[in-house]
N, C-alpha and C. Protein backbone atom coordinates (compact mmCIF):
# COMPACT_ATOMS: atom_id res chain seq x y z
N VAL A 1 108.25 15.52 91.12
CA VAL A 1 108.44 16.53 90.10
C VAL A 1 107.34 17.59 90.24
N GLU A 2 106.11 17.10 90.41
CA GLU A 2 105.01 18.04 90.54
C GLU A 2 105.16 18.90 91.78
N GLU A 3 105.61 18.29 92.86
CA GLU A 3 105.81 19.03 94.11
C GLU A 3 106.92 20.07 93.94
N SER A 4 107.98 19.72 93.27
CA SER A 4 109.07 20.65 93.01
C SER A 4 108.59 21.79 92.12
N PHE A 5 107.79 21.43 91.13
CA PHE A 5 107.23 22.44 90.24
C PHE A 5 106.37 23.43 91.03
N GLN A 6 105.52 22.93 91.92
CA GLN A 6 104.65 23.79 92.73
C GLN A 6 105.46 24.69 93.65
N ARG A 7 106.53 24.11 94.26
CA ARG A 7 107.39 24.94 95.12
C ARG A 7 108.05 26.04 94.31
N GLY A 8 108.46 25.72 93.10
CA GLY A 8 109.07 26.72 92.21
C GLY A 8 108.07 27.83 91.87
N VAL A 9 106.84 27.44 91.58
CA VAL A 9 105.80 28.42 91.27
C VAL A 9 105.54 29.29 92.49
N ASP A 10 105.39 28.67 93.66
CA ASP A 10 105.13 29.42 94.90
C ASP A 10 106.28 30.37 95.21
N GLU A 11 107.50 29.88 95.06
CA GLU A 11 108.67 30.71 95.32
C GLU A 11 108.72 31.88 94.33
N GLY A 12 108.41 31.62 93.08
CA GLY A 12 108.37 32.67 92.07
C GLY A 12 107.32 33.72 92.39
N LEU A 13 106.15 33.27 92.85
CA LEU A 13 105.10 34.22 93.23
C LEU A 13 105.52 35.08 94.42
N ARG A 14 106.16 34.45 95.41
CA ARG A 14 106.62 35.20 96.59
C ARG A 14 107.65 36.26 96.18
N ARG A 15 108.57 35.85 95.31
CA ARG A 15 109.60 36.80 94.86
C ARG A 15 108.96 37.94 94.05
N ALA A 16 108.03 37.58 93.18
CA ALA A 16 107.35 38.61 92.37
C ALA A 16 106.57 39.57 93.26
N GLU A 17 105.86 39.01 94.25
CA GLU A 17 105.12 39.86 95.19
C GLU A 17 106.08 40.76 95.96
N ALA A 18 107.20 40.21 96.39
CA ALA A 18 108.18 41.00 97.13
C ALA A 18 108.74 42.10 96.23
N ASP A 19 109.09 41.73 94.99
CA ASP A 19 109.64 42.72 94.07
C ASP A 19 108.61 43.80 93.73
N PHE A 20 107.38 43.40 93.41
CA PHE A 20 106.34 44.37 93.07
C PHE A 20 105.91 45.17 94.29
N GLY A 21 105.88 44.52 95.44
CA GLY A 21 105.54 45.24 96.67
C GLY A 21 106.55 46.33 96.95
N SER A 22 107.81 46.00 96.75
CA SER A 22 108.88 46.98 96.95
C SER A 22 108.75 48.10 95.92
N ALA A 23 108.48 47.72 94.67
CA ALA A 23 108.32 48.73 93.61
C ALA A 23 107.10 49.60 93.90
N LEU A 24 106.02 48.99 94.37
CA LEU A 24 104.81 49.73 94.71
C LEU A 24 105.08 50.72 95.84
N GLN A 25 105.80 50.27 96.86
CA GLN A 25 106.14 51.16 97.97
C GLN A 25 107.01 52.33 97.49
N THR A 26 107.95 52.03 96.61
CA THR A 26 108.80 53.08 96.05
C THR A 26 107.97 54.06 95.24
N LEU A 27 107.04 53.54 94.43
CA LEU A 27 106.17 54.39 93.63
C LEU A 27 105.29 55.28 94.52
N LEU A 28 104.74 54.71 95.57
CA LEU A 28 103.92 55.50 96.50
C LEU A 28 104.74 56.58 97.19
N ALA A 29 105.97 56.24 97.57
CA ALA A 29 106.85 57.23 98.20
C ALA A 29 107.16 58.36 97.23
N LEU A 30 107.41 58.02 95.96
CA LEU A 30 107.67 59.05 94.95
C LEU A 30 106.45 59.94 94.74
N CYS A 31 105.27 59.34 94.73
CA CYS A 31 104.03 60.13 94.58
C CYS A 31 103.87 61.11 95.74
N ARG A 32 104.16 60.64 96.95
CA ARG A 32 104.07 61.53 98.12
C ARG A 32 105.08 62.67 98.01
N GLN A 33 106.29 62.33 97.57
CA GLN A 33 107.32 63.36 97.41
C GLN A 33 106.91 64.38 96.35
N LEU A 34 106.34 63.92 95.25
CA LEU A 34 105.87 64.83 94.20
C LEU A 34 104.75 65.73 94.72
N ASP A 35 103.85 65.15 95.49
CA ASP A 35 102.76 65.93 96.06
C ASP A 35 103.30 67.00 97.02
N ASN A 36 104.27 66.60 97.85
CA ASN A 36 104.89 67.57 98.77
C ASN A 36 105.63 68.66 98.00
N LEU A 37 106.32 68.27 96.94
CA LEU A 37 107.04 69.24 96.11
C LEU A 37 106.07 70.23 95.46
N ARG A 38 104.96 69.71 94.93
CA ARG A 38 103.94 70.57 94.32
C ARG A 38 103.40 71.56 95.35
N GLU A 39 103.11 71.07 96.54
CA GLU A 39 102.59 71.93 97.61
C GLU A 39 103.61 73.00 98.00
N THR A 40 104.88 72.61 98.07
CA THR A 40 105.94 73.56 98.40
C THR A 40 106.07 74.63 97.32
N ILE A 41 106.02 74.20 96.07
CA ILE A 41 106.10 75.16 94.96
C ILE A 41 104.94 76.15 95.02
N LEU A 42 103.73 75.64 95.25
CA LEU A 42 102.57 76.53 95.35
C LEU A 42 102.71 77.50 96.52
N THR A 43 103.12 76.97 97.66
CA THR A 43 103.27 77.81 98.85
C THR A 43 104.32 78.89 98.62
N ASN A 44 105.45 78.49 98.03
CA ASN A 44 106.53 79.45 97.80
C ASN A 44 106.21 80.46 96.72
N SER A 45 105.30 80.13 95.81
CA SER A 45 105.02 81.04 94.71
C SER A 45 103.82 81.95 94.98
N ILE A 46 103.14 81.79 96.10
CA ILE A 46 101.98 82.65 96.40
C ILE A 46 102.40 84.11 96.42
N GLY A 47 103.50 84.41 97.08
CA GLY A 47 103.97 85.79 97.14
C GLY A 47 104.31 86.33 95.76
N GLU A 48 104.94 85.50 94.94
CA GLU A 48 105.28 85.92 93.58
C GLU A 48 104.02 86.14 92.75
N MET A 49 103.03 85.26 92.92
CA MET A 49 101.78 85.43 92.18
C MET A 49 101.08 86.72 92.62
N GLN A 50 101.12 86.98 93.92
CA GLN A 50 100.51 88.20 94.45
C GLN A 50 101.19 89.42 93.85
N ASP A 51 102.52 89.42 93.83
CA ASP A 51 103.27 90.54 93.25
C ASP A 51 102.95 90.71 91.76
N LEU A 52 102.80 89.59 91.05
CA LEU A 52 102.47 89.65 89.63
C LEU A 52 101.09 90.26 89.42
N VAL A 53 100.12 89.84 90.22
CA VAL A 53 98.76 90.39 90.10
C VAL A 53 98.77 91.89 90.34
N ILE A 54 99.46 92.33 91.39
CA ILE A 54 99.54 93.76 91.70
C ILE A 54 100.25 94.51 90.57
N ALA A 55 101.34 93.95 90.06
CA ALA A 55 102.09 94.61 88.98
C ALA A 55 101.22 94.78 87.74
N ILE A 56 100.46 93.75 87.41
CA ILE A 56 99.56 93.84 86.25
C ILE A 56 98.50 94.91 86.49
N ALA A 57 97.91 94.89 87.67
CA ALA A 57 96.87 95.88 88.00
C ALA A 57 97.44 97.29 87.96
N GLU A 58 98.65 97.47 88.50
CA GLU A 58 99.27 98.80 88.48
C GLU A 58 99.48 99.28 87.05
N LYS A 59 99.95 98.41 86.18
CA LYS A 59 100.16 98.80 84.78
C LYS A 59 98.84 99.20 84.13
N ILE A 60 97.80 98.41 84.38
CA ILE A 60 96.49 98.72 83.80
C ILE A 60 95.99 100.07 84.31
N VAL A 61 96.08 100.28 85.63
CA VAL A 61 95.59 101.53 86.21
C VAL A 61 96.40 102.71 85.71
N ARG A 62 97.71 102.57 85.66
CA ARG A 62 98.54 103.69 85.21
C ARG A 62 98.25 104.04 83.75
N ILE A 63 97.99 103.06 82.91
CA ILE A 63 97.61 103.34 81.52
C ILE A 63 96.28 104.06 81.50
N SER A 64 95.35 103.59 82.30
CA SER A 64 94.02 104.21 82.38
C SER A 64 94.12 105.65 82.86
N VAL A 65 94.98 105.89 83.85
CA VAL A 65 95.15 107.23 84.40
C VAL A 65 95.67 108.18 83.33
N ARG A 66 96.59 107.74 82.53
CA ARG A 66 97.13 108.59 81.47
C ARG A 66 96.06 108.93 80.44
N GLU A 67 95.09 108.06 80.28
CA GLU A 67 94.10 108.24 79.23
C GLU A 67 92.85 108.98 79.69
N GLN A 68 92.57 109.05 80.99
CA GLN A 68 91.29 109.59 81.42
C GLN A 68 91.45 110.63 82.52
N ASP A 69 91.01 111.85 82.21
CA ASP A 69 91.04 112.91 83.21
C ASP A 69 90.04 112.63 84.32
N ALA A 70 88.99 111.89 84.03
CA ALA A 70 87.97 111.60 85.04
C ALA A 70 88.55 110.85 86.23
N THR A 71 89.59 110.06 86.00
CA THR A 71 90.20 109.29 87.08
C THR A 71 90.77 110.21 88.15
N ILE A 72 91.51 111.23 87.77
CA ILE A 72 92.10 112.13 88.75
C ILE A 72 91.02 112.96 89.43
N VAL A 73 89.99 113.35 88.69
CA VAL A 73 88.90 114.12 89.30
C VAL A 73 88.24 113.28 90.40
N GLU A 74 87.97 112.03 90.10
CA GLU A 74 87.34 111.15 91.09
C GLU A 74 88.27 110.91 92.29
N THR A 75 89.56 110.74 92.03
CA THR A 75 90.52 110.52 93.11
C THR A 75 90.57 111.72 94.05
N VAL A 76 90.63 112.93 93.49
CA VAL A 76 90.67 114.14 94.32
C VAL A 76 89.37 114.28 95.10
N ASP A 77 88.24 114.04 94.45
CA ASP A 77 86.94 114.14 95.13
C ASP A 77 86.87 113.17 96.31
N GLU A 78 87.28 111.93 96.10
CA GLU A 78 87.27 110.95 97.19
C GLU A 78 88.22 111.35 98.32
N ALA A 79 89.39 111.87 97.96
CA ALA A 79 90.36 112.27 98.98
C ALA A 79 89.83 113.43 99.81
N ILE A 80 89.20 114.40 99.16
CA ILE A 80 88.65 115.55 99.89
C ILE A 80 87.55 115.08 100.83
N HIS A 81 86.69 114.19 100.36
CA HIS A 81 85.61 113.70 101.22
C HIS A 81 86.14 112.81 102.35
N SER A 82 87.32 112.23 102.17
CA SER A 82 87.91 111.40 103.22
C SER A 82 88.57 112.23 104.31
N ALA A 83 88.91 113.45 103.98
CA ALA A 83 89.61 114.31 104.93
C ALA A 83 88.64 114.84 105.99
N VAL A 84 89.21 115.15 107.13
CA VAL A 84 88.42 115.75 108.20
C VAL A 84 87.96 117.13 107.74
N ARG A 85 86.78 117.52 108.13
CA ARG A 85 86.23 118.82 107.70
C ARG A 85 87.18 119.96 108.07
N SER A 86 87.34 120.84 107.11
CA SER A 86 88.19 122.00 107.29
C SER A 86 87.68 123.06 106.33
N ASP A 87 88.01 124.32 106.57
CA ASP A 87 87.53 125.35 105.65
C ASP A 87 88.50 125.56 104.49
N GLU A 88 89.67 124.94 104.56
CA GLU A 88 90.65 125.09 103.48
C GLU A 88 91.41 123.78 103.28
N PHE A 89 91.57 123.40 102.03
CA PHE A 89 92.34 122.21 101.68
C PHE A 89 93.42 122.59 100.69
N TYR A 90 94.55 121.91 100.81
CA TYR A 90 95.62 122.00 99.82
C TYR A 90 95.64 120.66 99.09
N VAL A 91 95.53 120.73 97.78
CA VAL A 91 95.53 119.51 96.97
C VAL A 91 96.78 119.52 96.11
N TYR A 92 97.61 118.51 96.28
CA TYR A 92 98.85 118.39 95.50
C TYR A 92 98.63 117.36 94.40
N VAL A 93 98.85 117.79 93.16
CA VAL A 93 98.65 116.91 92.00
C VAL A 93 99.85 117.02 91.06
N HIS A 94 99.97 116.04 90.21
CA HIS A 94 101.01 116.06 89.17
C HIS A 94 100.72 117.25 88.24
N PRO A 95 101.75 117.93 87.75
CA PRO A 95 101.54 119.09 86.87
C PRO A 95 100.62 118.81 85.67
N GLU A 96 100.67 117.60 85.13
CA GLU A 96 99.81 117.29 83.98
C GLU A 96 98.35 117.13 84.38
N ASP A 97 98.07 116.93 85.66
CA ASP A 97 96.69 116.82 86.15
C ASP A 97 96.15 118.15 86.66
N PHE A 98 97.02 119.14 86.77
CA PHE A 98 96.67 120.42 87.39
C PHE A 98 95.48 121.11 86.72
N ALA A 99 95.51 121.26 85.40
CA ALA A 99 94.46 122.01 84.69
C ALA A 99 93.09 121.36 84.88
N VAL A 100 93.04 120.05 84.85
CA VAL A 100 91.76 119.34 85.02
C VAL A 100 91.20 119.60 86.41
N ILE A 101 92.05 119.51 87.42
CA ILE A 101 91.59 119.70 88.80
C ILE A 101 91.26 121.16 89.05
N GLN A 102 92.05 122.06 88.50
CA GLN A 102 91.78 123.50 88.65
C GLN A 102 90.39 123.82 88.09
N ALA A 103 90.06 123.25 86.95
CA ALA A 103 88.76 123.50 86.33
C ALA A 103 87.61 122.94 87.16
N LYS A 104 87.86 121.85 87.88
CA LYS A 104 86.82 121.22 88.70
C LYS A 104 86.77 121.76 90.13
N SER A 105 87.67 122.65 90.47
CA SER A 105 87.75 123.20 91.82
C SER A 105 86.41 123.73 92.34
N PRO A 106 85.66 124.51 91.57
CA PRO A 106 84.36 124.99 92.07
C PRO A 106 83.40 123.84 92.41
N ASP A 107 83.46 122.76 91.66
CA ASP A 107 82.60 121.61 91.94
C ASP A 107 82.96 120.96 93.27
N PHE A 108 84.26 120.88 93.55
CA PHE A 108 84.69 120.30 94.83
C PHE A 108 84.21 121.16 95.99
N ILE A 109 84.39 122.48 95.85
CA ILE A 109 83.98 123.41 96.91
C ILE A 109 82.47 123.33 97.12
N ALA A 110 81.72 123.30 96.04
CA ALA A 110 80.26 123.24 96.14
C ALA A 110 79.80 121.93 96.77
N GLY A 111 80.59 120.87 96.62
CA GLY A 111 80.21 119.56 97.13
C GLY A 111 80.44 119.37 98.61
N LEU A 112 81.11 120.31 99.27
CA LEU A 112 81.42 120.16 100.69
C LEU A 112 80.96 121.38 101.46
N ASN A 113 80.12 121.17 102.44
CA ASN A 113 79.70 122.27 103.31
C ASN A 113 80.88 122.73 104.15
N GLY A 114 81.06 124.00 104.24
CA GLY A 114 82.11 124.56 105.08
C GLY A 114 83.45 124.72 104.40
N LEU A 115 83.59 124.20 103.19
CA LEU A 115 84.85 124.36 102.47
C LEU A 115 84.82 125.69 101.73
N ASN A 116 85.72 126.58 102.12
CA ASN A 116 85.75 127.91 101.52
C ASN A 116 86.85 128.07 100.48
N ASN A 117 87.93 127.33 100.65
CA ASN A 117 89.06 127.54 99.77
C ASN A 117 89.73 126.21 99.45
N LEU A 118 90.00 126.02 98.19
CA LEU A 118 90.69 124.82 97.73
C LEU A 118 91.92 125.30 96.96
N VAL A 119 93.10 125.06 97.52
CA VAL A 119 94.34 125.49 96.90
C VAL A 119 94.94 124.28 96.19
N ILE A 120 95.05 124.40 94.88
CA ILE A 120 95.59 123.30 94.09
C ILE A 120 97.03 123.65 93.74
N LYS A 121 97.93 122.73 94.05
CA LYS A 121 99.35 122.97 93.82
C LYS A 121 99.93 121.87 92.94
N LYS A 122 100.82 122.29 92.05
CA LYS A 122 101.53 121.34 91.20
C LYS A 122 102.66 120.72 92.02
N ASP A 123 102.78 119.42 91.92
CA ASP A 123 103.86 118.72 92.60
C ASP A 123 104.44 117.69 91.63
N PRO A 124 105.61 117.98 91.04
CA PRO A 124 106.18 117.05 90.06
C PRO A 124 106.51 115.68 90.66
N ALA A 125 106.65 115.62 91.97
CA ALA A 125 106.94 114.33 92.61
C ALA A 125 105.68 113.46 92.72
N MET A 126 104.52 114.06 92.56
CA MET A 126 103.26 113.33 92.65
C MET A 126 103.07 112.52 91.36
N GLU A 127 102.63 111.30 91.50
CA GLU A 127 102.39 110.49 90.30
C GLU A 127 101.08 110.88 89.63
N ARG A 128 101.02 110.70 88.31
CA ARG A 128 99.79 111.02 87.58
C ARG A 128 98.65 110.20 88.12
N GLY A 129 97.49 110.85 88.25
CA GLY A 129 96.29 110.14 88.68
C GLY A 129 96.13 110.07 90.18
N GLY A 130 97.12 110.48 90.92
CA GLY A 130 97.04 110.46 92.37
C GLY A 130 97.09 111.87 92.92
N CYS A 131 96.84 111.99 94.20
CA CYS A 131 96.92 113.30 94.83
C CYS A 131 97.18 113.14 96.31
N LYS A 132 97.50 114.24 96.93
CA LYS A 132 97.61 114.31 98.38
C LYS A 132 96.81 115.52 98.80
N VAL A 133 95.93 115.34 99.77
CA VAL A 133 95.09 116.43 100.26
C VAL A 133 95.50 116.72 101.70
N GLU A 134 95.78 117.98 101.97
CA GLU A 134 96.17 118.39 103.33
C GLU A 134 95.22 119.47 103.82
N SER A 135 94.92 119.40 105.09
CA SER A 135 94.17 120.46 105.75
C SER A 135 94.88 120.72 107.07
N GLU A 136 94.34 121.64 107.83
CA GLU A 136 94.96 121.91 109.13
C GLU A 136 94.80 120.73 110.07
N ASN A 137 93.85 119.83 109.77
CA ASN A 137 93.55 118.72 110.66
C ASN A 137 94.14 117.38 110.25
N CYS A 138 94.37 117.19 108.96
CA CYS A 138 94.83 115.87 108.53
C CYS A 138 95.44 115.92 107.14
N THR A 139 96.00 114.78 106.74
CA THR A 139 96.53 114.59 105.40
C THR A 139 95.97 113.28 104.86
N VAL A 140 95.50 113.31 103.62
CA VAL A 140 95.00 112.10 102.97
C VAL A 140 95.91 111.82 101.78
N ASP A 141 96.57 110.67 101.82
CA ASP A 141 97.44 110.25 100.72
C ASP A 141 96.60 109.39 99.78
N ALA A 142 96.26 109.95 98.63
CA ALA A 142 95.45 109.22 97.65
C ALA A 142 96.26 108.96 96.39
N THR A 143 97.55 108.70 96.58
CA THR A 143 98.37 108.35 95.43
C THR A 143 98.03 106.93 95.01
N ILE A 144 98.29 106.62 93.77
CA ILE A 144 98.02 105.27 93.28
C ILE A 144 98.88 104.27 94.04
N THR A 145 100.12 104.65 94.33
CA THR A 145 101.01 103.76 95.07
C THR A 145 100.44 103.43 96.44
N SER A 146 99.94 104.42 97.16
CA SER A 146 99.39 104.15 98.49
C SER A 146 98.12 103.32 98.40
N GLN A 147 97.32 103.54 97.36
CA GLN A 147 96.10 102.74 97.19
C GLN A 147 96.45 101.29 96.89
N PHE A 148 97.49 101.08 96.09
CA PHE A 148 97.91 99.70 95.82
C PHE A 148 98.54 99.06 97.05
N GLU A 149 99.18 99.83 97.89
CA GLU A 149 99.73 99.28 99.13
C GLU A 149 98.59 98.76 100.01
N ILE A 150 97.50 99.49 100.06
CA ILE A 150 96.32 99.04 100.82
C ILE A 150 95.79 97.74 100.21
N ILE A 151 95.70 97.69 98.89
CA ILE A 151 95.23 96.48 98.21
C ILE A 151 96.16 95.31 98.50
N ARG A 152 97.47 95.57 98.42
CA ARG A 152 98.47 94.53 98.68
C ARG A 152 98.31 93.97 100.09
N GLU A 153 98.12 94.85 101.07
CA GLU A 153 97.93 94.40 102.46
C GLU A 153 96.66 93.57 102.60
N GLN A 154 95.59 93.97 101.92
CA GLN A 154 94.34 93.21 101.98
C GLN A 154 94.53 91.82 101.37
N ILE A 155 95.26 91.73 100.27
CA ILE A 155 95.52 90.43 99.65
C ILE A 155 96.32 89.55 100.60
N LYS A 156 97.34 90.12 101.23
CA LYS A 156 98.15 89.35 102.18
C LYS A 156 97.29 88.83 103.33
N LYS A 157 96.41 89.67 103.85
CA LYS A 157 95.52 89.24 104.94
C LYS A 157 94.64 88.09 104.49
N ARG A 158 94.08 88.21 103.28
CA ARG A 158 93.20 87.15 102.77
C ARG A 158 93.96 85.84 102.58
N LEU A 159 95.19 85.94 102.07
CA LEU A 159 95.98 84.73 101.86
C LEU A 159 96.33 84.05 103.17
N LYS A 160 96.55 84.82 104.22
CA LYS A 160 96.84 84.23 105.53
C LYS A 160 95.63 83.51 106.09
N GLN A 161 94.44 83.96 105.72
CA GLN A 161 93.21 83.33 106.20
C GLN A 161 92.93 82.01 105.50
N VAL A 162 93.50 81.84 104.31
CA VAL A 162 93.21 80.63 103.52
C VAL A 162 94.00 79.46 104.00
């Protein structure tokens, strides 16, 4: 009787170990699948997160541009300094930015040696806060959209490095 009892206990332990071992293996496999799924979701959403970050930044900048004339003045100044030296520049700005830039025109001319003439033109197709500067030698696109495209490309490069 005792021997039969012991065999029953041993058999029960073996079955329990087999059942729990199988359950443990299933649980481990599910954990691996969840981990892979989480990694896939993160990988697939990086582009969406990047687009969301850029969209938020664009909204913030566009609101700021509408509120501050200093933004367009700084943008035009940077664009002029980025352009190859020339004695004449054409600066295309949104009509609502025209008066601010026209008033600052003497400051831009005074800030660059060799610049004799700065022609400021209204361009309704130009977005507020951005500009395009043209000279006989080059064109500098300093629109907010082009600046964000540069930022977007830099983010993509950084993400590829990670």
